[in-house]
C-alpha atoms as a PDB file:
ATOM      1  CA  MET A   1     -59.014  52.685  55.462  1.00  0.00           C
ATOM      2  CA  CYS A   2     -58.582  52.135  58.610  1.00  0.00           C
ATOM      3  CA  GLY A   3     -56.203  50.251  60.672  1.00  0.00           C
ATOM      4  CA  ARG A   4     -55.506  51.580  63.992  1.00  0.00           C
ATOM      5  CA  TYR A   5     -58.061  53.685  66.218  1.00  0.00           C
ATOM      6  CA  THR A   6     -57.998  55.729  69.559  1.00  0.00           C
ATOM      7  CA  LEU A   7     -60.952  55.232  72.755  1.00  0.00           C
ATOM      8  CA  THR A   8     -59.349  57.689  75.454  1.00  0.00           C
ATOM      9  CA  VAL A   9     -62.186  58.910  76.736  1.00  0.00           C
ATOM     10  CA  PRO A  10     -64.054  57.046  79.548  1.00  0.00           C
ATOM     11  CA  LEU A  11     -67.014  54.963  79.241  1.00  0.00           C
ATOM     12  CA  SER A  12     -69.281  57.004  81.095  1.00  0.00           C
ATOM     13  CA  ASN A  13     -68.806  60.108  78.272  1.00  0.00           C
ATOM     14  CA  LEU A  14     -70.236  57.543  75.326  1.00  0.00           C
ATOM     15  CA  VAL A  15     -73.313  56.873  78.072  1.00  0.00           C
ATOM     16  CA  ASP A  16     -73.950  60.656  77.460  1.00  0.00           C
ATOM     17  CA  SER A  17     -73.009  61.076  74.142  1.00  0.00           C
ATOM     18  CA  PHE A  18     -74.276  57.998  72.160  1.00  0.00           C
ATOM     19  CA  GLU A  19     -77.494  57.905  74.616  1.00  0.00           C
ATOM     20  CA  VAL A  20     -76.710  53.975  74.949  1.00  0.00           C
ATOM     21  CA  HIS A  21     -77.565  52.037  78.094  1.00  0.00           C
ATOM     22  CA  PRO A  22     -74.250  51.987  80.905  1.00  0.00           C
ATOM     23  CA  PRO A  23     -72.288  49.104  79.899  1.00  0.00           C
ATOM     24  CA  ASP A  24     -71.415  46.267  82.267  1.00  0.00           C
ATOM     25  CA  PHE A  25     -67.560  45.967  81.696  1.00  0.00           C
ATOM     26  CA  ASP A  26     -64.892  48.168  82.268  1.00  0.00           C
ATOM     27  CA  TYR A  27     -62.815  49.958  79.359  1.00  0.00           C
ATOM     28  CA  PRO A  28     -59.350  51.753  79.667  1.00  0.00           C
ATOM     29  CA  SER A  29     -58.136  54.307  78.041  1.00  0.00           C
ATOM     30  CA  ARG A  30     -57.025  53.373  74.338  1.00  0.00           C
ATOM     31  CA  PHE A  31     -54.037  54.633  72.445  1.00  0.00           C
ATOM     32  CA  ASN A  32     -53.400  52.184  69.645  1.00  0.00           C
ATOM     33  CA  ILE A  33     -56.483  49.859  69.195  1.00  0.00           C
ATOM     34  CA  ALA A  34     -55.458  47.445  66.622  1.00  0.00           C
ATOM     35  CA  PRO A  35     -57.283  44.279  64.780  1.00  0.00           C
ATOM     36  CA  THR A  36     -58.001  41.193  66.404  1.00  0.00           C
ATOM     37  CA  GLN A  37     -58.347  42.842  69.664  1.00  0.00           C
ATOM     38  CA  ASP A  38     -61.906  43.760  71.333  1.00  0.00           C
ATOM     39  CA  ALA A  39     -63.276  47.323  71.891  1.00  0.00           C
ATOM     40  CA  PRO A  40     -66.425  48.769  72.249  1.00  0.00           C
ATOM     41  CA  VAL A  41     -69.376  48.310  69.972  1.00  0.00           C
ATOM     42  CA  ILE A  42     -73.098  50.385  69.900  1.00  0.00           C
ATOM     43  CA  ALA A  43     -75.733  48.383  68.464  1.00  0.00           C
ATOM     44  CA  GLN A  44     -79.617  48.683  68.795  1.00  0.00           C
ATOM     45  CA  ASP A  45     -82.725  46.117  69.557  1.00  0.00           C
ATOM     46  CA  ARG A  46     -85.994  47.174  71.005  1.00  0.00           C
ATOM     47  CA  GLY A  47     -84.746  47.769  74.560  1.00  0.00           C
ATOM     48  CA  GLY A  48     -83.117  50.654  72.621  1.00  0.00           C
ATOM     49  CA  ARG A  49     -78.802  51.164  72.102  1.00  0.00           C
ATOM     50  CA  ARG A  50     -76.441  48.910  73.938  1.00  0.00           C
ATOM     51  CA  MET A  51     -72.860  48.750  73.858  1.00  0.00           C
ATOM     52  CA  GLY A  52     -70.742  45.630  74.085  1.00  0.00           C
ATOM     53  CA  LEU A  53     -67.361  44.643  73.411  1.00  0.00           C
ATOM     54  CA  LEU A  54     -66.426  42.874  70.107  1.00  0.00           C
ATOM     55  CA  ARG A  55     -63.315  41.707  68.433  1.00  0.00           C
ATOM     56  CA  TRP A  56     -62.129  43.845  65.259  1.00  0.00           C
ATOM     57  CA  GLY A  57     -62.369  41.493  62.272  1.00  0.00           C
ATOM     58  CA  LEU A  58     -65.458  40.559  60.632  1.00  0.00           C
ATOM     59  CA  VAL A  59     -66.224  36.818  60.875  1.00  0.00           C
ATOM     60  CA  PRO A  60     -69.261  35.794  58.722  1.00  0.00           C
ATOM     61  CA  SER A  61     -71.599  33.201  60.470  1.00  0.00           C
ATOM     62  CA  TRP A  62     -70.735  30.968  57.409  1.00  0.00           C
ATOM     63  CA  SER A  63     -67.136  31.011  57.384  1.00  0.00           C
ATOM     64  CA  LYS A  64     -65.512  27.740  58.648  1.00  0.00           C
ATOM     65  CA  ASP A  65     -62.182  29.055  60.306  1.00  0.00           C
ATOM     66  CA  PRO A  66     -62.444  32.724  62.529  1.00  0.00           C
ATOM     67  CA  SER A  67     -58.953  33.425  61.304  1.00  0.00           C
ATOM     68  CA  VAL A  68     -60.768  35.163  58.123  1.00  0.00           C
ATOM     69  CA  GLY A  69     -61.687  38.132  60.893  1.00  0.00           C
ATOM     70  CA  SER A  70     -57.973  39.571  60.507  1.00  0.00           C
ATOM     71  CA  ARG A  71     -58.951  40.303  56.590  1.00  0.00           C
ATOM     72  CA  MET A  72     -62.186  41.698  57.234  1.00  0.00           C
ATOM     73  CA  ILE A  73     -60.904  44.681  59.323  1.00  0.00           C
ATOM     74  CA  ASN A  74     -62.888  47.148  56.621  1.00  0.00           C
ATOM     75  CA  ALA A  75     -65.258  47.200  54.248  1.00  0.00           C
ATOM     76  CA  ARG A  76     -65.622  49.832  51.299  1.00  0.00           C
ATOM     77  CA  SER A  77     -69.223  51.648  51.541  1.00  0.00           C
ATOM     78  CA  GLU A  78     -69.047  51.442  47.646  1.00  0.00           C
ATOM     79  CA  THR A  79     -69.225  47.873  47.414  1.00  0.00           C
ATOM     80  CA  VAL A  80     -70.587  46.701  51.112  1.00  0.00           C
ATOM     81  CA  ALA A  81     -73.917  45.700  49.975  1.00  0.00           C
ATOM     82  CA  GLU A  82     -72.840  43.392  46.914  1.00  0.00           C
ATOM     83  CA  LYS A  83     -69.927  41.430  48.933  1.00  0.00           C
ATOM     84  CA  PRO A  84     -71.135  38.045  50.136  1.00  0.00           C
ATOM     85  CA  ALA A  85     -69.224  38.692  53.656  1.00  0.00           C
ATOM     86  CA  PHE A  86     -70.813  42.140  54.311  1.00  0.00           C
ATOM     87  CA  LYS A  87     -74.382  42.183  52.262  1.00  0.00           C
ATOM     88  CA  ASN A  88     -76.243  40.238  55.176  1.00  0.00           C
ATOM     89  CA  ALA A  89     -74.960  42.445  57.872  1.00  0.00           C
ATOM     90  CA  PHE A  90     -75.084  45.646  55.978  1.00  0.00           C
ATOM     91  CA  LEU A  91     -78.986  45.211  55.579  1.00  0.00           C
ATOM     92  CA  MET A  92     -79.619  43.139  59.248  1.00  0.00           C
ATOM     93  CA  LYS A  93     -76.387  44.059  61.720  1.00  0.00           C
ATOM     94  CA  ARG A  94     -75.504  47.673  61.903  1.00  0.00           C
ATOM     95  CA  CYS A  95     -73.397  49.134  64.399  1.00  0.00           C
ATOM     96  CA  LEU A  96     -71.609  52.490  65.733  1.00  0.00           C
ATOM     97  CA  ILE A  97     -68.078  52.247  66.653  1.00  0.00           C
ATOM     98  CA  PRO A  98     -67.128  54.921  69.114  1.00  0.00           C
ATOM     99  CA  ALA A  99     -63.687  56.569  68.883  1.00  0.00           C
ATOM    100  CA  ASP A 100     -61.971  59.883  69.257  1.00  0.00           C
ATOM    101  CA  GLY A 101     -59.283  59.853  66.592  1.00  0.00           C
ATOM    102  CA  PHE A 102     -58.067  57.496  64.187  1.00  0.00           C
ATOM    103  CA  PHE A 103     -54.604  56.891  62.276  1.00  0.00           C
ATOM    104  CA  GLU A 104     -53.462  56.980  58.595  1.00  0.00           C
ATOM    105  CA  TRP A 105     -49.979  56.539  57.155  1.00  0.00           C
ATOM    106  CA  LYS A 106     -48.985  59.068  54.555  1.00  0.00           C
ATOM    107  CA  LYS A 107     -46.434  58.072  51.794  1.00  0.00           C
ATOM    108  CA  VAL A 108     -43.387  60.237  51.856  1.00  0.00           C
ATOM    109  CA  PRO A 109     -40.673  60.182  49.057  1.00  0.00           C
ATOM    110  CA  GLY A 110     -37.337  58.854  50.273  1.00  0.00           C
ATOM    111  CA  GLN A 111     -33.851  60.586  49.749  1.00  0.00           C
ATOM    112  CA  GLU A 112     -31.987  59.796  46.989  1.00  0.00           C
ATOM    113  CA  GLY A 113     -31.117  55.699  46.776  1.00  0.00           C
ATOM    114  CA  GLU A 114     -33.820  55.399  49.833  1.00  0.00           C
ATOM    115  CA  LYS A 115     -37.001  53.520  49.891  1.00  0.00           C
ATOM    116  CA  PRO A 116     -40.084  55.608  50.287  1.00  0.00           C
ATOM    117  CA  SER A 117     -41.527  55.535  54.214  1.00  0.00           C
ATOM    118  CA  LYS A 118     -44.456  55.916  56.119  1.00  0.00           C
ATOM    119  CA  VAL A 119     -45.480  58.588  58.528  1.00  0.00           C
ATOM    120  CA  PRO A 120     -48.365  57.817  60.572  1.00  0.00           C
ATOM    121  CA  HIS A 121     -50.858  60.594  61.416  1.00  0.00           C
ATOM    122  CA  TRP A 122     -53.584  61.098  64.481  1.00  0.00           C
ATOM    123  CA  ILE A 123     -56.768  62.668  62.998  1.00  0.00           C
ATOM    124  CA  HIS A 124     -59.062  63.729  65.496  1.00  0.00           C
ATOM    125  CA  ARG A 125     -62.054  66.516  65.945  1.00  0.00           C
ATOM    126  CA  LYS A 126     -59.982  69.373  67.388  1.00  0.00           C
ATOM    127  CA  ASP A 127     -62.247  69.669  70.673  1.00  0.00           C
ATOM    128  CA  GLY A 128     -61.399  65.941  71.504  1.00  0.00           C
ATOM    129  CA  ALA A 129     -64.899  64.694  71.310  1.00  0.00           C
ATOM    130  CA  PRO A 130     -65.847  61.090  70.232  1.00  0.00           C
ATOM    131  CA  PHE A 131     -67.308  60.336  67.269  1.00  0.00           C
ATOM    132  CA  ALA A 132     -69.412  57.389  65.579  1.00  0.00           C
ATOM    133  CA  MET A 133     -67.945  55.311  62.993  1.00  0.00           C
ATOM    134  CA  ALA A 134     -70.323  53.276  61.034  1.00  0.00           C
ATOM    135  CA  GLY A 135     -69.495  49.473  61.399  1.00  0.00           C
ATOM    136  CA  LEU A 136     -71.070  46.040  60.621  1.00  0.00           C
ATOM    137  CA  TRP A 137     -71.268  43.197  63.190  1.00  0.00           C
ATOM    138  CA  GLU A 138     -72.061  39.382  63.070  1.00  0.00           C
ATOM    139  CA  GLU A 139     -72.108  36.456  65.411  1.00  0.00           C
ATOM    140  CA  TRP A 140     -70.404  33.761  64.608  1.00  0.00           C
ATOM    141  CA  ARG A 141     -70.754  30.034  66.445  1.00  0.00           C
ATOM    142  CA  PRO A 142     -68.056  27.099  66.602  1.00  0.00           C
ATOM    143  CA  LYS A 143     -69.447  23.322  66.937  1.00  0.00           C
ATOM    144  CA  GLU A 144     -68.493  23.877  70.629  1.00  0.00           C
ATOM    145  CA  GLY A 145     -67.848  26.819  73.041  1.00  0.00           C
ATOM    146  CA  ASP A 146     -68.959  30.436  73.564  1.00  0.00           C
ATOM    147  CA  PRO A 147     -69.880  32.332  69.786  1.00  0.00           C
ATOM    148  CA  LEU A 148     -67.940  35.022  68.921  1.00  0.00           C
ATOM    149  CA  PHE A 149     -68.619  38.626  68.218  1.00  0.00           C
ATOM    150  CA  THR A 150     -66.786  40.794  65.341  1.00  0.00           C
ATOM    151  CA  PHE A 151     -67.213  43.834  63.599  1.00  0.00           C
ATOM    152  CA  THR A 152     -66.061  45.428  60.565  1.00  0.00           C
ATOM    153  CA  ILE A 153     -65.469  49.645  59.864  1.00  0.00           C
ATOM    154  CA  LEU A 154     -66.871  50.808  56.709  1.00  0.00           C
ATOM    155  CA  THR A 155     -64.918  53.451  54.807  1.00  0.00           C
ATOM    156  CA  THR A 156     -65.298  55.535  51.951  1.00  0.00           C
ATOM    157  CA  GLU A 157     -62.916  58.354  50.023  1.00  0.00           C
ATOM    158  CA  SER A 158     -61.150  60.855  52.217  1.00  0.00           C
ATOM    159  CA  THR A 159     -62.369  64.645  52.806  1.00  0.00           C
ATOM    160  CA  SER A 160     -59.813  66.739  50.854  1.00  0.00           C
ATOM    161  CA  GLY A 161     -58.504  67.898  54.233  1.00  0.00           C
ATOM    162  CA  ILE A 162     -56.933  64.884  55.004  1.00  0.00           C
ATOM    163  CA  ARG A 163     -56.863  63.419  51.208  1.00  0.00           C
ATOM    164  CA  ASP A 164     -52.935  64.207  51.069  1.00  0.00           C
ATOM    165  CA  ILE A 165     -52.449  61.698  54.106  1.00  0.00           C
ATOM    166  CA  HIS A 166     -54.712  59.062  52.726  1.00  0.00           C
ATOM    167  CA  PRO A 167     -57.402  58.834  50.216  1.00  0.00           C
ATOM    168  CA  ARG A 168     -59.541  56.564  52.257  1.00  0.00           C
ATOM    169  CA  MET A 169     -60.993  57.231  55.768  1.00  0.00           C
ATOM    170  CA  PRO A 170     -63.480  55.510  57.968  1.00  0.00           C
ATOM    171  CA  VAL A 171     -66.945  57.020  57.764  1.00  0.00           C
ATOM    172  CA  ILE A 172     -67.627  58.945  60.686  1.00  0.00           C
ATOM    173  CA  LEU A 173     -71.476  59.327  61.082  1.00  0.00           C
ATOM    174  CA  PRO A 174     -73.183  62.956  62.613  1.00  0.00           C
ATOM    175  CA  ASP A 175     -75.487  62.250  64.927  1.00  0.00           C
ATOM    176  CA  GLU A 176     -78.910  61.959  62.904  1.00  0.00           C
ATOM    177  CA  ALA A 177     -77.311  59.509  60.628  1.00  0.00           C
ATOM    178  CA  ALA A 178     -76.011  57.436  63.349  1.00  0.00           C
ATOM    179  CA  ARG A 179     -79.477  57.037  64.316  1.00  0.00           C
ATOM    180  CA  ARG A 180     -80.662  56.399  60.970  1.00  0.00           C
ATOM    181  CA  TRP A 181     -78.021  53.987  60.314  1.00  0.00           C
ATOM    182  CA  LEU A 182     -79.225  52.023  63.536  1.00  0.00           C
ATOM    183  CA  GLY A 183     -82.373  52.600  62.581  1.00  0.00           C
ATOM    184  CA  PRO A 184     -84.955  50.163  60.479  1.00  0.00           C
ATOM    185  CA  VAL A 185     -83.966  51.688  56.934  1.00  0.00           C
ATOM    186  CA  ALA A 186     -85.079  50.039  54.379  1.00  0.00           C
ATOM    187  CA  GLY A 187     -83.166  48.336  52.242  1.00  0.00           C
ATOM    188  CA  PRO A 188     -79.519  49.973  50.552  1.00  0.00           C
ATOM    189  CA  SER A 189     -81.006  52.829  48.881  1.00  0.00           C
ATOM    190  CA  GLY A 190     -81.838  54.261  52.092  1.00  0.00           C
ATOM    191  CA  LEU A 191     -78.097  53.743  53.567  1.00  0.00           C
ATOM    192  CA  HIS A 192     -75.800  54.583  50.717  1.00  0.00           C
ATOM    193  CA  PRO A 193     -76.700  58.297  51.402  1.00  0.00           C
ATOM    194  CA  LEU A 194     -75.850  57.973  55.019  1.00  0.00           C
ATOM    195  CA  LEU A 195     -72.135  56.644  53.885  1.00  0.00           C
ATOM    196  CA  ARG A 196     -70.882  60.104  52.838  1.00  0.00           C
ATOM    197  CA  PRO A 197     -67.138  61.607  53.843  1.00  0.00           C
ATOM    198  CA  ASN A 198     -67.337  63.482  57.142  1.00  0.00           C
ATOM    199  CA  VAL A 199     -67.292  67.416  56.766  1.00  0.00           C
ATOM    200  CA  GLU A 200     -66.872  68.275  60.015  1.00  0.00           C
ATOM    201  CA  ASN A 201     -63.621  69.774  60.793  1.00  0.00           C
ATOM    202  CA  LEU A 202     -60.968  67.325  61.696  1.00  0.00           C
ATOM    203  CA  HIS A 203     -57.254  67.672  62.759  1.00  0.00           C
ATOM    204  CA  ALA A 204     -54.412  65.787  62.010  1.00  0.00           C
ATOM    205  CA  HIS A 205     -50.807  66.061  63.379  1.00  0.00           C
ATOM    206  CA  ALA A 206     -47.854  63.447  62.332  1.00  0.00           C
ATOM    207  CA  VAL A 207     -47.112  60.553  65.491  1.00  0.00           C
ATOM    208  CA  SER A 208     -44.239  58.787  66.249  1.00  0.00           C
ATOM    209  CA  THR A 209     -43.822  55.396  64.873  1.00  0.00           C
ATOM    210  CA  LEU A 210     -44.519  53.984  68.184  1.00  0.00           C
ATOM    211  CA  VAL A 211     -48.011  53.399  66.818  1.00  0.00           C
ATOM    212  CA  ASN A 212     -46.937  50.799  63.867  1.00  0.00           C
ATOM    213  CA  SER A 213     -46.388  48.234  66.545  1.00  0.00           C
ATOM    214  CA  PRO A 214     -49.559  47.060  68.229  1.00  0.00           C
ATOM    215  CA  ARG A 215     -48.074  46.301  71.455  1.00  0.00           C
ATOM    216  CA  ASN A 216     -47.177  50.048  71.825  1.00  0.00           C
ATOM    217  CA  ASP A 217     -50.799  51.533  73.546  1.00  0.00           C
ATOM    218  CA  VAL A 218     -49.584  54.299  75.146  1.00  0.00           C
ATOM    219  CA  PRO A 219     -49.989  58.606  75.072  1.00  0.00           C
ATOM    220  CA  ASP A 220     -46.940  59.242  73.688  1.00  0.00           C
ATOM    221  CA  CYS A 221     -49.049  57.206  70.335  1.00  0.00           C
ATOM    222  CA  VAL A 222     -50.464  60.460  69.792  1.00  0.00           C
ATOM    223  CA  GLN A 223     -48.389  63.024  70.773  1.00  0.00           C
ATOM    224  CA  PRO A 224     -47.513  65.592  67.808  1.00  0.00           C
ATOM    225  CA  VAL A 225     -43.531  64.981  66.004  1.00  0.00           C
END
């Protein structure tokens, strides 16, 4: 799964990296983005690629209560085309979630008589460059007030390099796959081949348990321990 991630590069870097229109909002360096928080998301329309701030945790348009979003932070790529909460967005509302790292927790056996623990790891590209995670977005309209725009991150099996940390990871799309993901691909058969484990050279190191709390959003969250 993917329950926390980072985006520490300036938005101007994303404009260049993802060929997107300059956004009309500011966004600080984030070292611990958590579910239900707003984050930059890239989608495409007839005017080209655009970036906006959406809430993490998909709320389907037919939902009675937006609180369901807290349980919809990830969508499994293997079943996304069949799940009622995701299948419409999979065909019509795909997006990219820019990031420069994500966190996974490795289960570590405890000492004799102690419970197992979970050690957080930050996983990122060695060159520090941002990458695109595959996502879906939705628009939910309340009876009164403004619409709520939300997103979820697609996951897949982990690559061999990080499988010992966690069996799942976000779908990371290389440039050509990202273009196809945002484009008018016809049906699930054209989309599923894009949702493969990332084969780029990712690096992982253990980090402080500071990241366990979403209140901690500081550079120390990604420092090796």
